[in-house]
Structure formats: C-alpha cells, structure tokens
Amino acid sequence: MSTKETILNKIQILISNSFNSPEQAFAFFDNDKDGKLSKKEIADLLKKAEISGLIRGLVTNKLIDGYDKDGDGLVDWNEFKAAIDEIKE
C-alpha cells in the first residue's frame, strides 16, 4: 500500500468510526463554519486520523493541491466529497 493509500485509508477509518456520515465529519472539522476546510482544519483532521506530525504539513498541502479544484486554497464540501469518493473506490 502506498503512502497516499495509507493516509486515505486512515482518513476513511476516522470518518467511519467517529461520524455517521462524511457530511458530519466535514461539519465537525469546519471550525469556522464557512463551508470550507482551511489548512489548519485539514491538519486537525489529519491529526485526529493519527497522521504523523512529521508528514502532516506535507499531506495537508498535497490534499489541497489535489482536491482544491477552484484554486482558493481551501477544500469545500464538493471537493471533500470527491476525496471521500476516491477513498471508497
């Protein structure tokens, strides 16, 4: 399993074990309730998913680079859902 697959798997485990739905997980980590996840909010999600602090910053940037389709530097619900859908495949 690649590092990306391992990280995505840990996120999936966190969501399925701690929340009733991906929407609930998104709302939980959207601390300022602006409908988007910032770098800090994504880092908090990764920390909760037990992603090592050494790579958490890199992973946060990679997730934003990979899923931020509108280029605003944030991950909105549709972008988050796309990431979750990829995890499920």
C-alpha atoms as a PDB file:
ATOM      1  CA  MET A   1       0.000   0.000   0.000  1.00  0.00           C
ATOM      2  CA  SER A   2       1.444   3.373  -0.974  1.00  0.00           C
ATOM      3  CA  THR A   3       1.766   6.229   1.472  1.00  0.00           C
ATOM      4  CA  LYS A   4      -1.161   8.005  -0.215  1.00  0.00           C
ATOM      5  CA  GLU A   5      -3.338   4.902   0.138  1.00  0.00           C
ATOM      6  CA  THR A   6      -2.322   4.518   3.794  1.00  0.00           C
ATOM      7  CA  ILE A   7      -3.211   8.128   4.576  1.00  0.00           C
ATOM      8  CA  LEU A   8      -6.530   7.971   2.713  1.00  0.00           C
ATOM      9  CA  ASN A   9      -7.309   4.699   4.497  1.00  0.00           C
ATOM     10  CA  LYS A  10      -6.664   6.319   7.907  1.00  0.00           C
ATOM     11  CA  ILE A  11      -8.988   9.193   6.972  1.00  0.00           C
ATOM     12  CA  GLN A  12     -11.673   6.705   5.908  1.00  0.00           C
ATOM     13  CA  ILE A  13     -11.304   4.791   9.196  1.00  0.00           C
ATOM     14  CA  LEU A  14     -11.609   8.035  11.183  1.00  0.00           C
ATOM     15  CA  ILE A  15     -14.743   9.074   9.310  1.00  0.00           C
ATOM     16  CA  SER A  16     -16.453   5.689   9.502  1.00  0.00           C
ATOM     17  CA  ASN A  17     -15.563   5.099  13.182  1.00  0.00           C
ATOM     18  CA  SER A  18     -16.201   8.596  14.541  1.00  0.00           C
ATOM     19  CA  PHE A  19     -19.007  10.044  12.421  1.00  0.00           C
ATOM     20  CA  ASN A  20     -22.349   8.948  10.996  1.00  0.00           C
ATOM     21  CA  SER A  21     -21.533  10.405   7.576  1.00  0.00           C
ATOM     22  CA  PRO A  22     -18.857  12.294   5.621  1.00  0.00           C
ATOM     23  CA  GLU A  23     -21.090  15.397   5.921  1.00  0.00           C
ATOM     24  CA  GLN A  24     -20.935  15.152   9.709  1.00  0.00           C
ATOM     25  CA  ALA A  25     -17.133  14.801   9.589  1.00  0.00           C
ATOM     26  CA  PHE A  26     -16.839  17.822   7.287  1.00  0.00           C
ATOM     27  CA  ALA A  27     -19.059  19.921   9.571  1.00  0.00           C
ATOM     28  CA  PHE A  28     -17.063  18.826  12.632  1.00  0.00           C
ATOM     29  CA  PHE A  29     -13.719  19.912  11.155  1.00  0.00           C
ATOM     30  CA  ASP A  30     -15.120  23.120   9.593  1.00  0.00           C
ATOM     31  CA  ASN A  31     -14.418  25.026  12.821  1.00  0.00           C
ATOM     32  CA  ASP A  32     -15.355  28.476  11.498  1.00  0.00           C
ATOM     33  CA  LYS A  33     -18.439  27.092   9.701  1.00  0.00           C
ATOM     34  CA  ASP A  34     -17.593  28.850   6.438  1.00  0.00           C
ATOM     35  CA  GLY A  35     -18.300  25.736   4.355  1.00  0.00           C
ATOM     36  CA  LYS A  36     -14.618  25.190   3.560  1.00  0.00           C
ATOM     37  CA  LEU A  37     -11.696  23.448   5.221  1.00  0.00           C
ATOM     38  CA  SER A  38      -8.588  25.583   5.694  1.00  0.00           C
ATOM     39  CA  LYS A  39      -5.056  24.212   6.005  1.00  0.00           C
ATOM     40  CA  LYS A  40      -5.373  24.264   9.795  1.00  0.00           C
ATOM     41  CA  GLU A  41      -8.727  22.493   9.717  1.00  0.00           C
ATOM     42  CA  ILE A  42      -7.308  19.819   7.380  1.00  0.00           C
ATOM     43  CA  ALA A  43      -4.263  19.457   9.652  1.00  0.00           C
ATOM     44  CA  ASP A  44      -6.648  18.943  12.603  1.00  0.00           C
ATOM     45  CA  LEU A  45      -8.463  16.212  10.641  1.00  0.00           C
ATOM     46  CA  LEU A  46      -5.134  14.531   9.821  1.00  0.00           C
ATOM     47  CA  LYS A  47      -4.031  14.735  13.450  1.00  0.00           C
ATOM     48  CA  LYS A  48      -7.288  13.087  14.555  1.00  0.00           C
ATOM     49  CA  ALA A  49      -6.681  10.411  11.866  1.00  0.00           C
ATOM     50  CA  GLU A  50      -3.289   9.752  13.510  1.00  0.00           C
ATOM     51  CA  ILE A  51      -1.180  11.016  10.615  1.00  0.00           C
ATOM     52  CA  SER A  52       2.344  11.688  11.898  1.00  0.00           C
ATOM     53  CA  GLY A  53       3.214  15.293  12.688  1.00  0.00           C
ATOM     54  CA  LEU A  54       6.332  14.913  10.547  1.00  0.00           C
ATOM     55  CA  ILE A  55       4.334  14.467   7.362  1.00  0.00           C
ATOM     56  CA  ARG A  56       1.074  16.192   8.325  1.00  0.00           C
ATOM     57  CA  GLY A  57       2.127  19.535   6.799  1.00  0.00           C
ATOM     58  CA  LEU A  58       3.149  17.908   3.536  1.00  0.00           C
ATOM     59  CA  VAL A  59      -0.040  15.876   3.362  1.00  0.00           C
ATOM     60  CA  THR A  60      -2.164  18.952   4.088  1.00  0.00           C
ATOM     61  CA  ASN A  61      -0.579  20.782   1.162  1.00  0.00           C
ATOM     62  CA  LYS A  62      -0.903  17.740  -1.116  1.00  0.00           C
ATOM     63  CA  LEU A  63      -4.589  17.326  -0.241  1.00  0.00           C
ATOM     64  CA  ILE A  64      -5.275  20.961  -1.040  1.00  0.00           C
ATOM     65  CA  ASP A  65      -3.229  20.769  -4.251  1.00  0.00           C
ATOM     66  CA  GLY A  66      -5.012  17.579  -5.290  1.00  0.00           C
ATOM     67  CA  TYR A  67      -8.605  18.422  -4.413  1.00  0.00           C
ATOM     68  CA  ASP A  68      -8.913  22.227  -4.459  1.00  0.00           C
ATOM     69  CA  LYS A  69     -10.481  22.496  -7.899  1.00  0.00           C
ATOM     70  CA  ASP A  70     -11.454  26.198  -7.696  1.00  0.00           C
ATOM     71  CA  GLY A  71      -7.952  27.292  -6.625  1.00  0.00           C
ATOM     72  CA  ASP A  72      -8.987  29.208  -3.494  1.00  0.00           C
ATOM     73  CA  GLY A  73      -6.550  27.324  -1.231  1.00  0.00           C
ATOM     74  CA  LEU A  74      -9.443  25.724   0.674  1.00  0.00           C
ATOM     75  CA  VAL A  75     -11.398  22.486   0.352  1.00  0.00           C
ATOM     76  CA  ASP A  76     -15.169  22.949   0.083  1.00  0.00           C
ATOM     77  CA  TRP A  77     -17.797  20.238   0.564  1.00  0.00           C
ATOM     78  CA  ASN A  78     -17.826  19.120  -3.103  1.00  0.00           C
ATOM     79  CA  GLU A  79     -14.029  18.882  -3.139  1.00  0.00           C
ATOM     80  CA  PHE A  80     -14.040  16.985   0.170  1.00  0.00           C
ATOM     81  CA  LYS A  81     -16.721  14.644  -1.166  1.00  0.00           C
ATOM     82  CA  ALA A  82     -14.580  13.977  -4.258  1.00  0.00           C
ATOM     83  CA  ALA A  83     -11.713  12.962  -1.974  1.00  0.00           C
ATOM     84  CA  ILE A  84     -14.028  10.687   0.064  1.00  0.00           C
ATOM     85  CA  ASP A  85     -15.403   9.128  -3.123  1.00  0.00           C
ATOM     86  CA  GLU A  86     -11.824   8.389  -4.237  1.00  0.00           C
ATOM     87  CA  ILE A  87     -11.128   6.715  -0.904  1.00  0.00           C
ATOM     88  CA  LYS A  88     -14.140   4.441  -1.337  1.00  0.00           C
ATOM     89  CA  GLU A  89     -13.033   3.236  -4.794  1.00  0.00           C
END
